[in-house]
Amino acid sequence: MSATMIKEFRLPDLGEGLTESEILSWKVAVGDTVSLNQVIAEVETAKAVVELPSPFAGVIKELHEQPGSVVEVGKPIVSFEVADDAGASPAQAPGAFSPGMGEAPAEAPSAAETPKREPNLVGYGAVVEGSGRPTRRPRNFAPVEASGNLAPVVEPARPADVQVGHVQPAERPRSTPPVRKLAKGLGVDLAQVHGTGPGGLITREDVQDFAGHGGEPAAPPAGPVPVAGGTRPGERETRTPIKGVRKFTAAAMVQSAFTAPHATEFLTVDVTPSLELLAKLKNSREFSGTRLTPLTLAAKAVLVAVRRNPALNSRWDQDNQEIVTFNYVNLGIAAATPRGLMVPNIKDADAMALPQLAQALTALAETARAGKTQPADLSGGTISITNIGVFGIDAGTPILNPGEAAILGLGAVRTMPWEYKGEVALRQVLTLSLSFDHRLVDGEQGSRFLADVGAILAEPGMVLTMV
């Protein structure tokens, strides 16, 4: 019988220098046997929901954190019982991840013994006091997709009972950490409580009502459950913790708004020819089965216009006092989700032909809806598009995605009276809104870029004169 030992897995930095993550759910329980790289938990960073693979093959000995806990990078989250002869680092196995901080035994090494960050599953672990600034590993950015249609990208609620691996823990009632703490103090089993909050969320009042009825399950309300953001009768306000994506987005938008001097220009164009072109392309063999929308053509127009106006595809490097002009385009597509605003980007979009670009846009939307957008997909963007027209809005003043020089807003396509060949006719019209960083982009450059995008959408054949 071989000897065993206890190994701890510490929460890794999930690749973007993030300092903490929230444990959303465990996919395993104490006593479960797990294999190397089996998904053991789902965590939410300030940018995305990420699945954590197991760095060891062994038995789950202890779960140090409960769902809903916000854990700092480098803190132990789970302990494994592994065989001594199986204790080699998974990094030595072909195709396996390097566990790094997860490889540490139950007794963590002192700062003197650990002079720097060590590689782990994703990115690097916490900086040990007194160590120098770590060097990042190069990352592979796989192309992602974007919403081909003009509908908002909506991420569905994550099912609590999706089975990952060979073990499925019981479904956990939806509630917040303060409510779970209250329930524990009152001796209330949340599994017996009927949630009356948004989407069945268990509220403080639900727990108190349950406890007040002597532990008997309260009857479901006769009326409809209030929608997200609503209130129950008698409630005058709803408080929601600021965390995760919304917390990160809020900080990023404030920094962008008060760091980059925004300027916004508007252009209204007749896009009837673009819509006619889309109708023809949908019937062609090359685009068979491909989702084509006005966003597809707008994205291509932006890529062509950027080539003629490179200042729009640049970044202000404050630390080095340099202007960085990118010779590639990672095209961001703003996506509104229940977790907050996300701007995943299509890597090297400028190298894609229209069919590939359309497929990438569709893939981006499906990834966002499935809640599978990864931190790497949200970083490295160089210029973005936001589709406010899906909400019936004609124009706005988009805020720049931090680190980018420009963002183009697409308004709603409307049938309007318009001058056409010397007469007034009903045409398909939309308004473009371009916000740009005036440190990087002069008014002339921004105007030329916007005029190029408008010219392409008004007459797609103009592309032949621009490439």
Protein backbone atom coordinates (compact mmCIF):
# COMPACT_ATOMS: atom_id res chain seq x y z
CA MET A 1 0.00 0.00 0.00
CA SER A 2 1.57 3.25 -1.11
CA ALA A 3 1.83 6.23 1.22
CA THR A 4 -0.22 9.34 0.66
CA MET A 5 0.34 13.01 1.28
CA ILE A 6 -1.77 16.17 1.43
CA LYS A 7 -1.39 18.80 -1.28
CA GLU A 8 -3.01 22.24 -1.30
CA PHE A 9 -4.25 24.07 -4.37
CA ARG A 10 -4.12 27.85 -4.01
CA LEU A 11 -6.26 30.22 -6.03
CA PRO A 12 -4.21 31.24 -9.09
CA ASP A 13 -4.03 34.60 -10.78
CA LEU A 14 -6.25 33.81 -13.75
CA GLY A 15 -4.03 35.47 -16.31
CA GLU A 16 -4.87 39.18 -16.02
CA GLY A 17 -3.20 40.27 -12.79
CA LEU A 18 -6.49 40.03 -10.89
CA THR A 19 -6.18 39.99 -7.11
CA GLU A 20 -9.30 38.04 -6.13
CA SER A 21 -12.07 35.79 -7.41
CA GLU A 22 -15.43 34.59 -6.12
CA ILE A 23 -16.12 30.89 -5.77
CA LEU A 24 -19.37 30.36 -7.68
CA SER A 25 -19.73 26.61 -7.29
CA TRP A 26 -17.82 23.44 -6.55
CA LYS A 27 -18.12 20.64 -9.07
CA VAL A 28 -16.76 18.14 -6.53
CA ALA A 29 -17.31 17.27 -2.86
CA VAL A 30 -15.11 16.02 -0.03
CA GLY A 31 -14.26 12.36 -0.62
CA ASP A 32 -14.58 12.51 -4.40
CA THR A 33 -11.84 11.02 -6.52
CA VAL A 34 -10.72 13.39 -9.26
CA SER A 35 -8.44 13.10 -12.26
CA LEU A 36 -5.80 15.49 -13.50
CA ASN A 37 -7.31 18.55 -15.23
CA GLN A 38 -10.88 17.59 -14.26
CA VAL A 39 -12.96 20.74 -13.66
CA ILE A 40 -13.37 21.08 -9.90
CA ALA A 41 -14.80 24.60 -9.49
CA GLU A 42 -16.31 27.56 -11.27
CA VAL A 43 -15.04 30.99 -10.20
CA GLU A 44 -15.90 34.53 -11.23
CA THR A 45 -13.16 37.08 -11.71
CA ALA A 46 -13.69 40.78 -12.35
CA LYS A 47 -13.84 39.93 -16.04
CA ALA A 48 -15.26 36.47 -16.65
CA VAL A 49 -16.46 33.14 -15.30
CA VAL A 50 -13.63 30.60 -15.37
CA GLU A 51 -13.56 26.85 -14.80
CA LEU A 52 -10.67 25.63 -12.62
CA PRO A 53 -9.11 22.28 -13.56
CA SER A 54 -7.61 20.02 -10.92
CA PRO A 55 -3.80 20.21 -10.68
CA PHE A 56 -3.67 16.72 -9.13
CA ALA A 57 -5.13 13.26 -9.44
CA GLY A 58 -6.35 12.15 -6.03
CA VAL A 59 -9.10 12.45 -3.45
CA ILE A 60 -10.70 15.72 -2.30
CA LYS A 61 -9.72 16.04 1.36
CA GLU A 62 -11.08 19.50 2.23
CA LEU A 63 -12.80 22.45 0.57
CA HIS A 64 -11.43 25.55 2.28
CA GLU A 65 -13.92 28.00 0.81
CA GLN A 66 -17.66 27.92 0.26
CA PRO A 67 -19.58 29.16 -2.82
CA GLY A 68 -20.07 32.90 -2.54
CA SER A 69 -16.71 33.46 -0.85
CA VAL A 70 -14.40 36.07 -2.34
CA VAL A 71 -10.87 34.67 -2.15
CA GLU A 72 -7.56 36.45 -2.61
CA VAL A 73 -5.07 35.07 -5.12
CA GLY A 74 -2.65 32.70 -3.39
CA LYS A 75 -5.07 31.54 -0.67
CA PRO A 76 -5.70 27.78 -0.32
CA ILE A 77 -9.09 26.73 -1.67
CA VAL A 78 -8.91 22.92 -1.72
CA SER A 79 -6.70 20.12 -0.37
CA PHE A 80 -6.04 16.82 -2.10
CA GLU A 81 -4.87 13.47 -0.80
CA VAL A 82 -2.47 12.09 -3.39
CA ALA A 83 -0.18 9.10 -3.56
CA ASP A 84 3.51 9.78 -3.02
CA ASP A 85 4.40 8.19 -6.33
CA ALA A 86 1.82 10.39 -8.07
CA GLY A 87 3.08 13.60 -6.55
CA ALA A 88 5.06 14.72 -9.57
CA SER A 89 4.12 18.07 -10.97
CA PRO A 90 1.43 17.80 -13.67
CA ALA A 91 3.61 20.13 -15.71
CA GLN A 92 5.83 17.08 -16.31
CA ALA A 93 3.00 15.25 -17.97
CA PRO A 94 2.52 15.87 -21.69
CA GLY A 95 -0.14 18.50 -22.32
CA ALA A 96 -0.80 19.12 -18.61
CA PHE A 97 -0.85 22.46 -16.84
CA SER A 98 1.79 23.49 -14.32
CA PRO A 99 0.13 23.78 -10.90
CA GLY A 100 2.68 26.14 -9.39
CA MET A 101 1.20 27.47 -6.20
CA GLY A 102 -1.26 24.60 -6.20
CA GLU A 103 1.69 22.23 -5.85
CA ALA A 104 2.65 23.61 -2.45
CA PRO A 105 2.24 21.12 0.41
CA ALA A 106 -0.04 21.86 3.32
CA GLU A 107 2.75 23.89 4.92
CA ALA A 108 3.34 26.89 2.66
CA PRO A 109 7.00 27.89 2.11
CA SER A 110 8.20 31.07 3.74
CA ALA A 111 8.80 34.26 1.77
CA ALA A 112 12.55 33.69 2.04
CA GLU A 113 12.16 30.30 0.41
CA THR A 114 9.94 31.65 -2.37
CA PRO A 115 11.75 34.62 -3.98
CA LYS A 116 9.31 35.09 -6.85
CA ARG A 117 5.94 34.17 -8.29
CA GLU A 118 5.70 30.62 -9.49
CA PRO A 119 3.74 29.52 -12.55
CA ASN A 120 0.44 27.84 -11.86
CA LEU A 121 -2.61 26.68 -13.79
CA VAL A 122 -3.21 30.03 -15.43
CA GLY A 123 -0.90 33.04 -15.20
CA TYR A 124 1.08 33.44 -11.98
CA GLY A 125 0.41 33.26 -8.28
CA ALA A 126 0.53 36.00 -5.70
CA VAL A 127 3.69 38.11 -5.42
CA VAL A 128 5.72 37.14 -2.39
CA GLU A 129 6.78 40.15 -0.34
CA GLY A 130 10.18 41.43 -1.32
CA SER A 131 10.18 39.84 -4.74
CA GLY A 132 10.62 41.69 -7.98
CA ARG A 133 8.02 42.30 -10.67
CA PRO A 134 7.27 38.98 -12.42
CA THR A 135 7.58 38.47 -16.12
CA ARG A 136 4.40 37.38 -17.81
CA ARG A 137 4.26 34.27 -19.93
CA PRO A 138 3.21 34.91 -23.53
CA ARG A 139 -0.39 33.94 -24.11
CA ASN A 140 -2.05 32.44 -27.14
CA PHE A 141 -5.10 34.46 -28.06
CA ALA A 142 -7.54 32.28 -29.92
CA PRO A 143 -10.00 34.12 -32.18
CA VAL A 144 -13.41 34.60 -30.65
CA GLU A 145 -16.73 35.45 -32.13
CA ALA A 146 -19.10 38.32 -32.10
CA SER A 147 -22.78 38.96 -32.29
CA GLY A 148 -23.56 38.77 -35.95
CA ASN A 149 -27.06 40.10 -35.47
CA LEU A 150 -28.13 43.39 -34.01
CA ALA A 151 -29.64 41.74 -30.94
CA PRO A 152 -28.04 42.22 -27.53
CA VAL A 153 -25.68 39.52 -26.36
CA VAL A 154 -27.34 38.11 -23.25
CA GLU A 155 -25.64 35.64 -21.00
CA PRO A 156 -28.10 33.11 -19.58
CA ALA A 157 -28.21 32.25 -15.92
CA ARG A 158 -25.65 29.59 -15.06
CA PRO A 159 -27.43 26.33 -14.26
CA ALA A 160 -26.41 25.01 -10.86
CA ASP A 161 -26.95 21.41 -11.91
CA VAL A 162 -24.77 21.15 -14.99
CA GLN A 163 -22.64 18.06 -14.54
CA VAL A 164 -18.92 18.47 -15.04
CA GLY A 165 -16.71 15.43 -14.63
CA HIS A 166 -18.05 12.30 -12.96
CA VAL A 167 -19.46 13.87 -9.81
CA GLN A 168 -22.44 16.16 -9.48
CA PRO A 169 -23.04 17.87 -6.14
CA ALA A 170 -26.57 18.73 -5.10
CA GLU A 171 -28.04 21.90 -6.52
CA ARG A 172 -27.38 24.83 -4.21
CA PRO A 173 -30.15 27.36 -3.48
CA ARG A 174 -29.51 30.80 -4.98
CA SER A 175 -28.73 33.41 -2.33
CA THR A 176 -26.10 35.95 -1.33
CA PRO A 177 -23.34 35.53 1.29
CA PRO A 178 -25.10 37.80 3.88
CA VAL A 179 -28.33 35.80 3.49
CA ARG A 180 -26.46 32.50 3.88
CA LYS A 181 -24.83 33.85 7.04
CA LEU A 182 -28.24 34.90 8.40
CA ALA A 183 -29.70 31.49 7.59
CA LYS A 184 -26.83 29.74 9.35
CA GLY A 185 -27.32 31.90 12.45
CA LEU A 186 -31.04 31.14 12.54
CA GLY A 187 -30.53 27.44 11.85
CA VAL A 188 -32.47 27.62 8.58
CA ASP A 189 -31.88 25.12 5.78
CA LEU A 190 -31.94 27.18 2.58
CA ALA A 191 -32.97 24.13 0.59
CA GLN A 192 -36.36 24.39 2.32
CA VAL A 193 -36.82 28.10 1.63
CA HIS A 194 -38.78 29.42 -1.35
CA GLY A 195 -36.98 32.38 -2.95
CA THR A 196 -39.12 35.38 -3.88
CA GLY A 197 -36.30 37.55 -5.20
CA PRO A 198 -35.33 38.06 -8.85
CA GLY A 199 -35.08 34.71 -10.62
CA GLY A 200 -35.94 32.82 -7.42
CA LEU A 201 -33.16 34.43 -5.33
CA ILE A 202 -33.58 33.81 -1.59
CA THR A 203 -33.73 37.12 0.29
CA ARG A 204 -33.30 38.06 3.96
CA GLU A 205 -37.07 38.40 4.28
CA ASP A 206 -37.55 34.86 2.92
CA VAL A 207 -35.20 33.47 5.59
CA GLN A 208 -36.83 35.52 8.37
CA ASP A 209 -40.33 34.50 7.24
CA PHE A 210 -39.29 30.85 7.18
CA ALA A 211 -37.80 31.09 10.68
CA GLY A 212 -40.93 32.92 11.91
CA HIS A 213 -43.16 30.08 10.72
CA GLY A 214 -41.32 27.57 12.87
CA GLY A 215 -39.31 26.11 10.04
CA GLU A 216 -42.28 25.30 7.81
CA PRO A 217 -41.72 26.05 4.09
CA ALA A 218 -43.49 29.26 3.19
CA ALA A 219 -46.08 29.05 0.44
CA PRO A 220 -45.03 30.57 -2.92
CA PRO A 221 -46.43 34.04 -3.52
CA ALA A 222 -49.74 34.17 -5.35
CA GLY A 223 -48.63 36.92 -7.69
CA PRO A 224 -45.78 36.91 -10.19
CA VAL A 225 -42.21 36.88 -8.94
CA PRO A 226 -40.76 40.38 -9.35
CA VAL A 227 -38.33 40.81 -12.20
CA ALA A 228 -34.68 41.71 -11.71
CA GLY A 229 -34.33 45.16 -10.26
CA GLY A 230 -37.93 45.19 -8.99
CA THR A 231 -39.16 45.25 -5.41
CA ARG A 232 -41.67 43.29 -3.40
CA PRO A 233 -44.70 45.02 -1.90
CA GLY A 234 -43.57 47.05 1.09
CA GLU A 235 -39.96 47.28 -0.05
CA ARG A 236 -38.77 50.74 -1.04
CA GLU A 237 -35.32 49.85 -2.29
CA THR A 238 -33.16 46.97 -3.43
CA ARG A 239 -29.44 46.73 -2.63
CA THR A 240 -27.08 44.69 -4.78
CA PRO A 241 -23.39 44.21 -3.90
CA ILE A 242 -21.01 45.82 -6.37
CA LYS A 243 -18.65 43.08 -7.41
CA GLY A 244 -17.40 41.00 -10.31
CA VAL A 245 -17.75 42.35 -13.82
CA ARG A 246 -19.82 45.37 -12.79
CA LYS A 247 -17.21 46.48 -10.26
CA PHE A 248 -14.41 46.09 -12.78
CA THR A 249 -16.38 47.82 -15.55
CA ALA A 250 -17.31 50.74 -13.32
CA ALA A 251 -13.69 51.33 -12.33
CA ALA A 252 -12.50 51.00 -15.92
CA MET A 253 -15.13 53.40 -17.27
CA VAL A 254 -14.38 56.03 -14.62
CA GLN A 255 -10.69 55.76 -15.39
CA SER A 256 -11.36 56.04 -19.12
CA ALA A 257 -13.76 58.97 -18.81
CA PHE A 258 -11.43 61.00 -16.57
CA THR A 259 -8.12 60.02 -18.18
CA ALA A 260 -8.76 60.13 -21.92
CA PRO A 261 -10.22 63.40 -23.26
CA HIS A 262 -13.24 62.14 -25.20
CA ALA A 263 -14.54 63.75 -28.35
CA THR A 264 -17.59 62.44 -30.21
CA GLU A 265 -18.71 62.98 -33.80
CA PHE A 266 -21.91 61.87 -35.53
CA LEU A 267 -22.75 60.95 -39.12
CA THR A 268 -26.14 59.86 -40.48
CA VAL A 269 -25.98 57.75 -43.64
CA ASP A 270 -28.31 56.00 -46.08
CA VAL A 271 -27.44 52.31 -45.70
CA THR A 272 -30.02 50.98 -48.14
CA PRO A 273 -27.29 49.70 -50.52
CA SER A 274 -25.65 47.80 -47.63
CA LEU A 275 -28.91 46.09 -46.74
CA GLU A 276 -29.46 45.19 -50.39
CA LEU A 277 -25.95 43.73 -50.51
CA LEU A 278 -26.64 41.64 -47.40
CA ALA A 279 -29.75 40.21 -49.05
CA LYS A 280 -27.70 39.16 -52.09
CA LEU A 281 -24.87 37.66 -50.04
CA LYS A 282 -27.26 35.54 -47.96
CA ASN A 283 -28.34 33.81 -51.18
CA SER A 284 -24.80 33.17 -52.39
CA ARG A 285 -22.99 29.85 -52.10
CA GLU A 286 -19.97 31.34 -50.31
CA PHE A 287 -22.12 32.64 -47.43
CA SER A 288 -24.46 29.67 -47.20
CA GLY A 289 -25.17 28.98 -43.53
CA THR A 290 -23.35 32.14 -42.43
CA ARG A 291 -25.16 34.73 -40.34
CA LEU A 292 -24.92 38.14 -41.99
CA THR A 293 -26.19 41.37 -40.43
CA PRO A 294 -25.49 45.11 -40.70
CA LEU A 295 -22.96 44.61 -37.90
CA THR A 296 -20.98 42.34 -40.21
CA LEU A 297 -20.60 45.04 -42.84
CA ALA A 298 -19.98 47.74 -40.21
CA ALA A 299 -17.15 45.67 -38.75
CA LYS A 300 -15.58 45.23 -42.17
CA ALA A 301 -15.96 48.95 -42.87
CA VAL A 302 -14.14 49.76 -39.61
CA LEU A 303 -11.28 47.43 -40.55
CA VAL A 304 -10.88 49.08 -43.96
CA ALA A 305 -11.10 52.60 -42.51
CA VAL A 306 -8.51 51.81 -39.80
CA ARG A 307 -6.00 50.89 -42.47
CA ARG A 308 -6.40 54.36 -43.98
CA ASN A 309 -6.47 56.10 -40.59
CA PRO A 310 -4.04 54.24 -38.27
CA ALA A 311 -4.26 56.85 -35.49
CA LEU A 312 -7.63 55.34 -34.55
CA ASN A 313 -5.88 52.02 -33.85
CA SER A 314 -3.37 53.19 -31.25
CA ARG A 315 -2.79 53.50 -27.52
CA TRP A 316 -1.43 56.18 -25.20
CA ASP A 317 1.40 54.67 -23.10
CA GLN A 318 1.55 57.03 -20.14
CA ASP A 319 4.33 55.17 -18.31
CA ASN A 320 6.75 55.28 -21.24
CA GLN A 321 5.43 58.52 -22.73
CA GLU A 322 4.90 56.87 -26.10
CA ILE A 323 2.13 56.48 -28.64
CA VAL A 324 1.79 52.81 -29.60
CA THR A 325 0.31 52.30 -33.08
CA PHE A 326 -0.86 48.76 -33.71
CA ASN A 327 -0.16 47.08 -37.04
CA TYR A 328 -2.98 44.62 -36.41
CA VAL A 329 -6.60 45.00 -35.32
CA ASN A 330 -8.16 43.15 -32.40
CA LEU A 331 -11.75 44.24 -32.95
CA GLY A 332 -13.83 44.56 -29.78
CA ILE A 333 -17.61 44.08 -29.81
CA ALA A 334 -19.44 45.46 -26.77
CA ALA A 335 -21.85 42.93 -25.27
CA ALA A 336 -24.49 43.70 -22.64
CA THR A 337 -24.95 40.76 -20.26
CA PRO A 338 -26.72 40.34 -16.90
CA ARG A 339 -23.26 40.31 -15.29
CA GLY A 340 -22.41 43.66 -16.84
CA LEU A 341 -20.78 45.10 -19.93
CA MET A 342 -18.18 42.98 -21.68
CA VAL A 343 -16.07 43.81 -24.72
CA PRO A 344 -14.57 40.57 -26.07
CA ASN A 345 -12.47 41.05 -29.16
CA ILE A 346 -11.70 39.20 -32.37
CA LYS A 347 -7.96 38.71 -32.61
CA ASP A 348 -6.34 39.80 -35.89
CA ALA A 349 -9.72 40.65 -37.39
CA ASP A 350 -8.01 42.69 -40.11
CA ALA A 351 -6.57 39.47 -41.56
CA MET A 352 -10.03 37.92 -42.04
CA ALA A 353 -12.09 37.86 -45.21
CA LEU A 354 -15.77 38.73 -44.84
CA PRO A 355 -16.96 35.10 -44.41
CA GLN A 356 -14.42 34.44 -41.65
CA LEU A 357 -15.25 37.74 -39.97
CA ALA A 358 -18.97 36.90 -40.00
CA GLN A 359 -18.26 33.51 -38.44
CA ALA A 360 -16.06 35.07 -35.77
CA LEU A 361 -18.79 37.57 -34.90
CA THR A 362 -21.31 34.75 -34.51
CA ALA A 363 -18.88 32.70 -32.41
CA LEU A 364 -18.22 35.67 -30.10
CA ALA A 365 -21.95 36.04 -29.43
CA GLU A 366 -22.45 32.33 -28.73
CA THR A 367 -19.47 32.27 -26.37
CA ALA A 368 -20.82 35.28 -24.44
CA ARG A 369 -24.32 33.79 -24.21
CA ALA A 370 -22.89 30.53 -22.88
CA GLY A 371 -20.92 32.43 -20.25
CA LYS A 372 -17.65 31.02 -21.63
CA THR A 373 -15.90 34.29 -22.42
CA GLN A 374 -12.39 34.00 -20.97
CA PRO A 375 -10.21 36.82 -19.56
CA ALA A 376 -7.84 36.51 -22.53
CA ASP A 377 -10.77 37.16 -24.88
CA LEU A 378 -11.47 40.43 -23.07
CA SER A 379 -7.95 41.84 -23.21
CA GLY A 380 -5.76 43.14 -26.01
CA GLY A 381 -8.46 44.99 -27.95
CA THR A 382 -7.33 47.87 -30.18
CA ILE A 383 -10.63 49.44 -31.35
CA SER A 384 -14.27 48.63 -30.59
CA ILE A 385 -17.84 48.75 -31.86
CA THR A 386 -20.95 49.11 -29.70
CA ASN A 387 -24.40 48.43 -31.11
CA ILE A 388 -26.81 50.78 -29.34
CA GLY A 389 -29.32 50.49 -32.18
CA VAL A 390 -30.56 47.20 -30.79
CA PHE A 391 -32.21 49.20 -28.00
CA GLY A 392 -33.92 51.50 -30.49
CA ILE A 393 -31.40 54.30 -29.87
CA ASP A 394 -30.34 56.50 -32.78
CA ALA A 395 -27.07 57.88 -31.39
CA GLY A 396 -25.04 58.31 -28.22
CA THR A 397 -21.61 59.18 -26.86
CA PRO A 398 -19.84 55.85 -26.23
CA ILE A 399 -17.11 55.75 -23.58
CA LEU A 400 -13.79 54.38 -24.77
CA ASN A 401 -12.76 50.90 -23.77
CA PRO A 402 -9.68 51.58 -21.58
CA GLY A 403 -6.46 51.49 -23.56
CA GLU A 404 -8.13 52.08 -26.93
CA ALA A 405 -8.22 55.21 -29.06
CA ALA A 406 -11.71 54.91 -30.54
CA ILE A 407 -15.11 53.25 -30.33
CA LEU A 408 -17.84 53.35 -32.98
CA GLY A 409 -21.52 53.31 -32.00
CA LEU A 410 -24.12 51.91 -34.43
CA GLY A 411 -27.59 53.41 -34.16
CA ALA A 412 -30.91 51.89 -35.11
CA VAL A 413 -31.67 51.38 -38.80
CA ARG A 414 -34.83 53.37 -39.55
CA THR A 415 -37.00 53.88 -42.62
CA MET A 416 -36.98 57.64 -43.20
CA PRO A 417 -37.65 60.19 -45.94
CA TRP A 418 -34.27 60.88 -47.54
CA GLU A 419 -32.90 62.73 -50.56
CA TYR A 420 -32.23 60.14 -53.27
CA LYS A 421 -31.32 61.02 -56.87
CA GLY A 422 -32.76 64.50 -56.54
CA GLU A 423 -36.02 63.35 -55.02
CA VAL A 424 -37.38 62.44 -51.60
CA ALA A 425 -37.74 58.71 -51.05
CA LEU A 426 -38.10 56.31 -48.15
CA ARG A 427 -34.64 54.90 -47.39
CA GLN A 428 -32.94 52.83 -44.68
CA VAL A 429 -30.92 55.26 -42.54
CA LEU A 430 -28.70 54.92 -39.47
CA THR A 431 -26.51 57.25 -37.39
CA LEU A 432 -22.88 56.49 -36.56
CA SER A 433 -21.35 57.84 -33.33
CA LEU A 434 -17.56 57.92 -33.06
CA SER A 435 -15.86 58.66 -29.74
CA PHE A 436 -12.08 59.02 -29.76
CA ASP A 437 -9.19 59.94 -27.48
CA HIS A 438 -8.25 63.49 -28.49
CA ARG A 439 -4.69 62.95 -27.24
CA LEU A 440 -4.21 60.40 -30.01
CA VAL A 441 -6.70 61.40 -32.66
CA ASP A 442 -7.07 64.88 -34.10
CA GLY A 443 -10.46 66.10 -35.27
CA GLU A 444 -9.38 65.73 -38.89
CA GLN A 445 -8.29 62.12 -38.40
CA GLY A 446 -11.46 61.20 -36.57
CA SER A 447 -13.60 62.90 -39.22
CA ARG A 448 -11.82 61.13 -42.09
CA PHE A 449 -12.21 57.77 -40.37
CA LEU A 450 -15.93 58.32 -39.74
CA ALA A 451 -16.43 59.56 -43.32
CA ASP A 452 -14.71 56.41 -44.65
CA VAL A 453 -16.95 54.11 -42.59
CA GLY A 454 -20.02 56.05 -43.70
CA ALA A 455 -19.00 55.98 -47.35
CA ILE A 456 -18.56 52.19 -47.28
CA LEU A 457 -21.93 51.60 -45.66
CA ALA A 458 -23.65 54.06 -48.02
CA GLU A 459 -22.05 52.44 -51.07
CA PRO A 460 -20.18 49.16 -50.38
CA GLY A 461 -18.51 49.37 -53.77
CA MET A 462 -16.40 52.25 -52.38
CA VAL A 463 -14.20 49.62 -50.75
CA LEU A 464 -12.57 49.07 -54.16
CA THR A 465 -11.23 52.63 -54.06
CA MET A 466 -9.82 52.26 -50.53
CA VAL A 467 -7.87 49.01 -50.54
